[in-house]
Structures are given as C-alpha cells and as structure tokens.
C-alpha atoms as a PDB file:
ATOM      1  CA  MET A   1    -101.462  56.959  38.450  1.00  0.00           C
ATOM      2  CA  PHE A   2     -99.125  56.143  36.071  1.00  0.00           C
ATOM      3  CA  LEU A   3     -96.096  55.453  38.093  1.00  0.00           C
ATOM      4  CA  ALA A   4     -98.018  53.118  40.524  1.00  0.00           C
ATOM      5  CA  ALA A   5     -99.278  50.706  37.665  1.00  0.00           C
ATOM      6  CA  PRO A   6     -95.596  49.199  37.220  1.00  0.00           C
ATOM      7  CA  VAL A   7     -95.441  48.847  41.005  1.00  0.00           C
ATOM      8  CA  VAL A   8     -98.631  47.228  41.245  1.00  0.00           C
ATOM      9  CA  ALA A   9     -97.786  44.839  38.339  1.00  0.00           C
ATOM     10  CA  ALA A  10     -94.481  43.728  39.682  1.00  0.00           C
ATOM     11  CA  ILE A  11     -96.010  42.996  42.904  1.00  0.00           C
ATOM     12  CA  LEU A  12     -98.737  41.012  41.180  1.00  0.00           C
ATOM     13  CA  LEU A  13     -96.213  38.781  39.415  1.00  0.00           C
ATOM     14  CA  SER A  14     -94.038  38.205  41.984  1.00  0.00           C
ATOM     15  CA  THR A  15     -96.866  36.730  44.182  1.00  0.00           C
ATOM     16  CA  SER A  16     -98.441  35.007  41.253  1.00  0.00           C
ATOM     17  CA  PRO A  17     -98.103  31.051  41.313  1.00  0.00           C
ATOM     18  CA  ALA A  18     -97.700  31.155  37.619  1.00  0.00           C
ATOM     19  CA  TRP A  19     -94.302  32.900  37.935  1.00  0.00           C
ATOM     20  CA  ASP A  20     -92.792  29.655  39.223  1.00  0.00           C
ATOM     21  CA  ARG A  21     -93.316  28.117  36.042  1.00  0.00           C
ATOM     22  CA  TYR A  22     -90.988  30.177  34.156  1.00  0.00           C
ATOM     23  CA  THR A  23     -88.183  29.482  36.608  1.00  0.00           C
ATOM     24  CA  PRO A  24     -85.401  27.041  35.110  1.00  0.00           C
ATOM     25  CA  VAL A  25     -85.320  23.482  36.476  1.00  0.00           C
ATOM     26  CA  ILE A  26     -81.923  22.653  37.659  1.00  0.00           C
ATOM     27  CA  GLN A  27     -81.254  18.836  36.716  1.00  0.00           C
ATOM     28  CA  ALA A  28     -79.751  17.185  39.969  1.00  0.00           C
ATOM     29  CA  HIS A  29     -78.184  14.167  38.051  1.00  0.00           C
ATOM     30  CA  ARG A  30     -77.769  13.424  34.423  1.00  0.00           C
ATOM     31  CA  ARG A  31     -76.573  10.425  33.319  1.00  0.00           C
ATOM     32  CA  PRO A  32     -73.002  10.320  32.026  1.00  0.00           C
ATOM     33  CA  ARG A  33     -72.502   9.540  28.384  1.00  0.00           C
ATOM     34  CA  PRO A  34     -70.110   6.785  27.415  1.00  0.00           C
ATOM     35  CA  ARG A  35     -66.393   7.739  26.349  1.00  0.00           C
ATOM     36  CA  ARG A  36     -65.469   7.182  22.718  1.00  0.00           C
ATOM     37  CA  HIS A  37     -62.147   6.802  22.933  1.00  0.00           C
ATOM     38  CA  SER A  38     -59.690   4.511  21.500  1.00  0.00           C
ATOM     39  CA  SER A  39     -58.987   2.483  25.187  1.00  0.00           C
ATOM     40  CA  LEU A  40     -62.671   1.320  24.529  1.00  0.00           C
ATOM     41  CA  LEU A  41     -61.470  -0.583  21.947  1.00  0.00           C
ATOM     42  CA  ARG A  42     -58.873  -2.433  23.894  1.00  0.00           C
ATOM     43  CA  PRO A  43     -59.622  -5.402  25.798  1.00  0.00           C
ATOM     44  CA  LYS A  44     -60.356  -5.113  29.400  1.00  0.00           C
ATOM     45  CA  ASN A  45     -57.637  -7.102  30.744  1.00  0.00           C
ATOM     46  CA  SER A  46     -54.642  -5.828  28.631  1.00  0.00           C
ATOM     47  CA  SER A  47     -51.676  -5.147  30.391  1.00  0.00           C
ATOM     48  CA  ARG A  48     -49.132  -2.206  29.355  1.00  0.00           C
ATOM     49  CA  SER A  49     -46.901  -5.057  28.050  1.00  0.00           C
ATOM     50  CA  VAL A  50     -49.503  -6.158  25.768  1.00  0.00           C
ATOM     51  CA  LEU A  51     -49.986  -2.522  24.409  1.00  0.00           C
ATOM     52  CA  THR A  52     -45.787  -2.449  23.937  1.00  0.00           C
ATOM     53  CA  VAL A  53     -45.694  -5.595  21.751  1.00  0.00           C
ATOM     54  CA  ARG A  54     -48.986  -4.374  19.766  1.00  0.00           C
ATOM     55  CA  HIS A  55     -47.032  -0.965  19.034  1.00  0.00           C
ATOM     56  CA  ARG A  56     -43.827  -2.874  18.215  1.00  0.00           C
ATOM     57  CA  ILE A  57     -45.557  -5.285  16.047  1.00  0.00           C
ATOM     58  CA  ALA A  58     -47.379  -2.217  14.559  1.00  0.00           C
ATOM     59  CA  ARG A  59     -43.888  -0.550  13.940  1.00  0.00           C
ATOM     60  CA  LEU A  60     -42.034  -3.603  12.491  1.00  0.00           C
ATOM     61  CA  SER A  61     -44.742  -4.502  10.046  1.00  0.00           C
ATOM     62  CA  SER A  62     -44.514  -1.021   8.997  1.00  0.00           C
ATOM     63  CA  LEU A  63     -40.948  -0.965   8.448  1.00  0.00           C
ATOM     64  CA  ALA A  64     -41.302  -4.321   6.724  1.00  0.00           C
ATOM     65  CA  ARG A  65     -43.589  -2.700   3.903  1.00  0.00           C
ATOM     66  CA  LEU A  66     -41.056   0.342   3.389  1.00  0.00           C
ATOM     67  CA  GLU A  67     -38.038  -2.318   2.988  1.00  0.00           C
ATOM     68  CA  GLN A  68     -40.318  -3.976   0.652  1.00  0.00           C
ATOM     69  CA  ARG A  69     -41.067  -0.842  -1.242  1.00  0.00           C
ATOM     70  CA  GLU A  70     -37.484   0.037  -1.343  1.00  0.00           C
ATOM     71  CA  ARG A  71     -36.714  -3.415  -2.675  1.00  0.00           C
ATOM     72  CA  GLN A  72     -39.305  -3.184  -5.480  1.00  0.00           C
ATOM     73  CA  LEU A  73     -37.837   0.070  -6.307  1.00  0.00           C
ATOM     74  CA  ARG A  74     -34.416  -0.929  -6.761  1.00  0.00           C
ATOM     75  CA  ASP A  75     -35.795  -3.799  -8.770  1.00  0.00           C
ATOM     76  CA  PHE A  76     -37.470  -1.489 -10.964  1.00  0.00           C
ATOM     77  CA  ILE A  77     -34.520   0.937 -11.503  1.00  0.00           C
ATOM     78  CA  ILE A  78     -32.299  -2.336 -12.320  1.00  0.00           C
ATOM     79  CA  ALA A  79     -34.962  -4.067 -14.587  1.00  0.00           C
ATOM     80  CA  ALA A  80     -35.504  -0.128 -16.493  1.00  0.00           C
ATOM     81  CA  ARG A  81     -31.784  -0.088 -17.174  1.00  0.00           C
ATOM     82  CA  THR A  82     -31.269   3.488 -16.037  1.00  0.00           C
ATOM     83  CA  GLU A  83     -27.717   2.810 -14.816  1.00  0.00           C
ATOM     84  CA  THR A  84     -24.720   2.524 -16.969  1.00  0.00           C
ATOM     85  CA  PRO A  85     -21.598   0.261 -16.124  1.00  0.00           C
ATOM     86  CA  SER A  86     -18.886   2.583 -15.319  1.00  0.00           C
ATOM     87  CA  PHE A  87     -15.917  -0.087 -14.131  1.00  0.00           C
ATOM     88  CA  ALA A  88     -15.722  -3.222 -12.610  1.00  0.00           C
ATOM     89  CA  ASP A  89     -13.112  -4.701  -9.997  1.00  0.00           C
ATOM     90  CA  ASP A  90     -12.899  -8.565  -9.861  1.00  0.00           C
ATOM     91  CA  GLU A  91     -10.143  -8.648  -6.932  1.00  0.00           C
ATOM     92  CA  ALA A  92     -10.751  -9.007  -3.317  1.00  0.00           C
ATOM     93  CA  HIS A  93      -9.305  -6.191  -1.206  1.00  0.00           C
ATOM     94  CA  ALA A  94      -8.150  -7.163   2.437  1.00  0.00           C
ATOM     95  CA  LEU A  95      -8.631  -4.257   5.256  1.00  0.00           C
ATOM     96  CA  ALA A  96      -6.916  -3.915   8.388  1.00  0.00           C
ATOM     97  CA  ILE A  97      -9.901  -4.600  10.782  1.00  0.00           C
ATOM     98  CA  GLY A  98     -10.589  -8.080   9.609  1.00  0.00           C
ATOM     99  CA  LEU A  99     -13.032  -7.287   6.339  1.00  0.00           C
ATOM    100  CA  SER A 100     -12.499  -8.190   2.744  1.00  0.00           C
ATOM    101  CA  ILE A 101     -14.126  -6.081  -0.191  1.00  0.00           C
ATOM    102  CA  GLY A 102     -14.496  -7.402  -3.588  1.00  0.00           C
ATOM    103  CA  PRO A 103     -15.651  -7.808  -6.429  1.00  0.00           C
ATOM    104  CA  THR A 104     -17.017  -4.499  -6.791  1.00  0.00           C
ATOM    105  CA  ILE A 105     -19.122  -2.982  -9.683  1.00  0.00           C
ATOM    106  CA  VAL A 106     -19.457   0.875 -10.075  1.00  0.00           C
ATOM    107  CA  THR A 107     -22.529   2.268 -12.375  1.00  0.00           C
ATOM    108  CA  ARG A 108     -23.780   5.494 -12.773  1.00  0.00           C
ATOM    109  CA  ASP A 109     -27.615   6.232 -12.280  1.00  0.00           C
ATOM    110  CA  PHE A 110     -29.761   8.110 -14.969  1.00  0.00           C
ATOM    111  CA  LEU A 111     -28.536  11.569 -13.014  1.00  0.00           C
ATOM    112  CA  GLY A 112     -24.932  10.576 -13.259  1.00  0.00           C
ATOM    113  CA  SER A 113     -24.256   9.610  -9.989  1.00  0.00           C
ATOM    114  CA  PRO A 114     -22.023   6.847  -8.939  1.00  0.00           C
ATOM    115  CA  VAL A 115     -23.657   3.857  -7.432  1.00  0.00           C
ATOM    116  CA  ILE A 116     -21.231   1.410  -5.821  1.00  0.00           C
ATOM    117  CA  ARG A 117     -22.182  -2.353  -5.054  1.00  0.00           C
ATOM    118  CA  ALA A 118     -19.371  -4.474  -3.234  1.00  0.00           C
ATOM    119  CA  ARG A 119     -19.127  -7.871  -1.379  1.00  0.00           C
ATOM    120  CA  VAL A 120     -18.198  -7.585   2.097  1.00  0.00           C
ATOM    121  CA  ARG A 121     -17.024 -10.291   3.929  1.00  0.00           C
ATOM    122  CA  ASN A 122     -15.967 -10.813   7.650  1.00  0.00           C
ATOM    123  CA  THR A 123     -12.496 -12.780   7.760  1.00  0.00           C
ATOM    124  CA  ARG A 124     -12.527 -12.817  11.684  1.00  0.00           C
ATOM    125  CA  PRO A 125     -13.632 -15.277  13.589  1.00  0.00           C
ATOM    126  CA  ASN A 126     -15.928 -12.832  15.985  1.00  0.00           C
ATOM    127  CA  ALA A 127     -18.517 -10.553  15.107  1.00  0.00           C
ATOM    128  CA  ILE A 128     -17.733  -7.009  13.610  1.00  0.00           C
ATOM    129  CA  PHE A 129     -19.310  -3.672  13.663  1.00  0.00           C
ATOM    130  CA  ALA A 130     -17.590  -1.287  10.924  1.00  0.00           C
ATOM    131  CA  VAL A 131     -18.241   1.872   8.804  1.00  0.00           C
ATOM    132  CA  LEU A 132     -17.283   1.322   5.347  1.00  0.00           C
ATOM    133  CA  GLU A 133     -15.709   4.184   3.394  1.00  0.00           C
ATOM    134  CA  ALA A 134     -15.380   4.171  -0.582  1.00  0.00           C
ATOM    135  CA  ASN A 135     -13.420   7.538  -1.619  1.00  0.00           C
ATOM    136  CA  ILE A 136     -14.059   7.837  -5.496  1.00  0.00           C
ATOM    137  CA  THR A 137     -12.040   9.933  -8.007  1.00  0.00           C
ATOM    138  CA  SER A 138     -13.408  11.267 -11.283  1.00  0.00           C
ATOM    139  CA  VAL A 139     -11.738  11.272 -14.212  1.00  0.00           C
ATOM    140  CA  ASP A 140     -10.838  15.325 -13.884  1.00  0.00           C
ATOM    141  CA  GLY A 141      -9.504  14.611 -10.366  1.00  0.00           C
ATOM    142  CA  ARG A 142     -12.523  15.465  -8.108  1.00  0.00           C
ATOM    143  CA  SER A 143     -13.314  13.359  -5.057  1.00  0.00           C
ATOM    144  CA  VAL A 144     -16.339  12.173  -3.710  1.00  0.00           C
ATOM    145  CA  ARG A 145     -16.812   9.717  -0.512  1.00  0.00           C
ATOM    146  CA  ALA A 146     -19.466   7.461   0.232  1.00  0.00           C
ATOM    147  CA  ALA A 147     -20.046   5.959   3.692  1.00  0.00           C
ATOM    148  CA  SER A 148     -22.189   2.716   5.265  1.00  0.00           C
ATOM    149  CA  ALA A 149     -22.200   0.630   8.649  1.00  0.00           C
ATOM    150  CA  VAL A 150     -22.131  -2.853   8.087  1.00  0.00           C
ATOM    151  CA  SER A 151     -22.784  -5.166  11.035  1.00  0.00           C
ATOM    152  CA  LEU A 152     -21.349  -9.121   9.957  1.00  0.00           C
ATOM    153  CA  GLN A 153     -21.124 -12.174  12.092  1.00  0.00           C
ATOM    154  CA  PRO A 154     -18.270 -14.138  11.806  1.00  0.00           C
ATOM    155  CA  HIS A 155     -17.207 -15.400   8.288  1.00  0.00           C
ATOM    156  CA  GLU A 156     -20.568 -13.847   7.352  1.00  0.00           C
ATOM    157  CA  SER A 157     -20.588 -11.931   3.414  1.00  0.00           C
ATOM    158  CA  ARG A 158     -23.077  -9.423   2.341  1.00  0.00           C
ATOM    159  CA  THR A 159     -23.576  -7.165  -1.075  1.00  0.00           C
ATOM    160  CA  VAL A 160     -23.352  -3.608   0.363  1.00  0.00           C
ATOM    161  CA  GLU A 161     -24.661  -0.789  -2.102  1.00  0.00           C
ATOM    162  CA  LEU A 162     -23.230   2.996  -1.561  1.00  0.00           C
ATOM    163  CA  LEU A 163     -24.579   5.730  -3.581  1.00  0.00           C
ATOM    164  CA  CYS A 164     -22.640   9.088  -4.203  1.00  0.00           C
ATOM    165  CA  PRO A 165     -24.870  12.125  -4.433  1.00  0.00           C
ATOM    166  CA  ALA A 166     -22.326  13.957  -6.747  1.00  0.00           C
ATOM    167  CA  ALA A 167     -22.661  13.611 -10.301  1.00  0.00           C
ATOM    168  CA  LEU A 168     -19.166  12.448 -11.634  1.00  0.00           C
ATOM    169  CA  VAL A 169     -17.746   9.846 -14.022  1.00  0.00           C
ATOM    170  CA  PRO A 170     -15.523   7.545 -11.564  1.00  0.00           C
ATOM    171  CA  ALA A 171     -12.104   6.470 -12.549  1.00  0.00           C
ATOM    172  CA  THR A 172     -10.691   4.845  -9.088  1.00  0.00           C
ATOM    173  CA  LEU A 173     -11.973   3.941  -6.026  1.00  0.00           C
ATOM    174  CA  VAL A 174     -10.122   3.425  -3.052  1.00  0.00           C
ATOM    175  CA  TRP A 175     -11.743   1.576   0.468  1.00  0.00           C
ATOM    176  CA  SER A 176     -11.245   2.212   3.803  1.00  0.00           C
ATOM    177  CA  ALA A 177     -13.056   0.942   7.087  1.00  0.00           C
ATOM    178  CA  THR A 178     -13.201   1.726  11.027  1.00  0.00           C
ATOM    179  CA  ALA A 179     -14.352  -0.904  13.446  1.00  0.00           C
ATOM    180  CA  LEU A 180     -17.071   0.435  15.660  1.00  0.00           C
END
C-alpha cells in the first residue's frame, strides 16, 4: 500500500488541470531596450568626415591647452627667478646650411642644468627644416649636447630654447645644424 501511494499521487498530479498553472510561460516577443551608447548622442545625419573633423578639433584644443600650460609654467619659472645667468653671446654665428644663430643667452635652472635661448634666422630664400645641436663644454671639461628641430620659412626668425639634462657649469658653446 505504501508503494502505491507515490504512484497514485504522480498520476493525479500529471492529469490535474492545476499543474498547467505552474509551467513557465515563454514570452514570444520582448520589446527591445533602447541602446545606451555614445552613438545616440551624435546627430543622425552625421557622416564619417564630420566625426573626423570633430575629433581633430578636440585634439587640437587639448594640444592648445597643453601649450598654454607650458607657456604659463615657463613664465612662472622666469618670474620666480629660479635661473641664474651663466654667459651671453651677442654675436651672430652663420652656419653652412643657411641659418644664423645669435644672440645667445645661457642660464642654469634651479637643478643646475643649462638652458640655452638663442635667436635663429633663416637666411635662405626658401624654407628650411633642420636639427640644431648645441655642444656645451663645462669648466671641468665635461661635454653635453642638446638638440632641437626647427622649421623656418624664408627669412623668418624664431627664439629657440634648448634644455640639457646634465647639471654642469657651462663655459663654451658650439653650434651645429643638419638640414633635413
């Protein structure tokens, strides 16, 4: 009798209409959720070139902000008088590739590293792109090089700053340039 009870209960439950209430209902259609994506913020009619221009403008504006911060930091360092002058060269030196360099001022920053500021002029009738190299020799004979790339239009002049990572007391300065 005890073996028949579970079998009878299973038969009654499987034929009972109440059993249908507990079966899961599969929903045939669900409404799609709206996408939460940055593409929804873009206008519908924007093309790839418009997006490229927007990204370029964003990059240029961030680059302009960084350049402004660099100028402000340089102005602060100059105003705080953290640089001590080492020597000045008022003479203009002509280089073989058509550049004239001078006057030049060499100072030392608060870490003892030389900072070179020079006026560079293009004396040629065409544009030039060159690498300027300054070879600095210290009082004790050590030599350090600093380089910078410069692009100048015909007869244009520009002030260039070169920074040396080594701490030394500069005694002499020799310029060289390579046209690219």
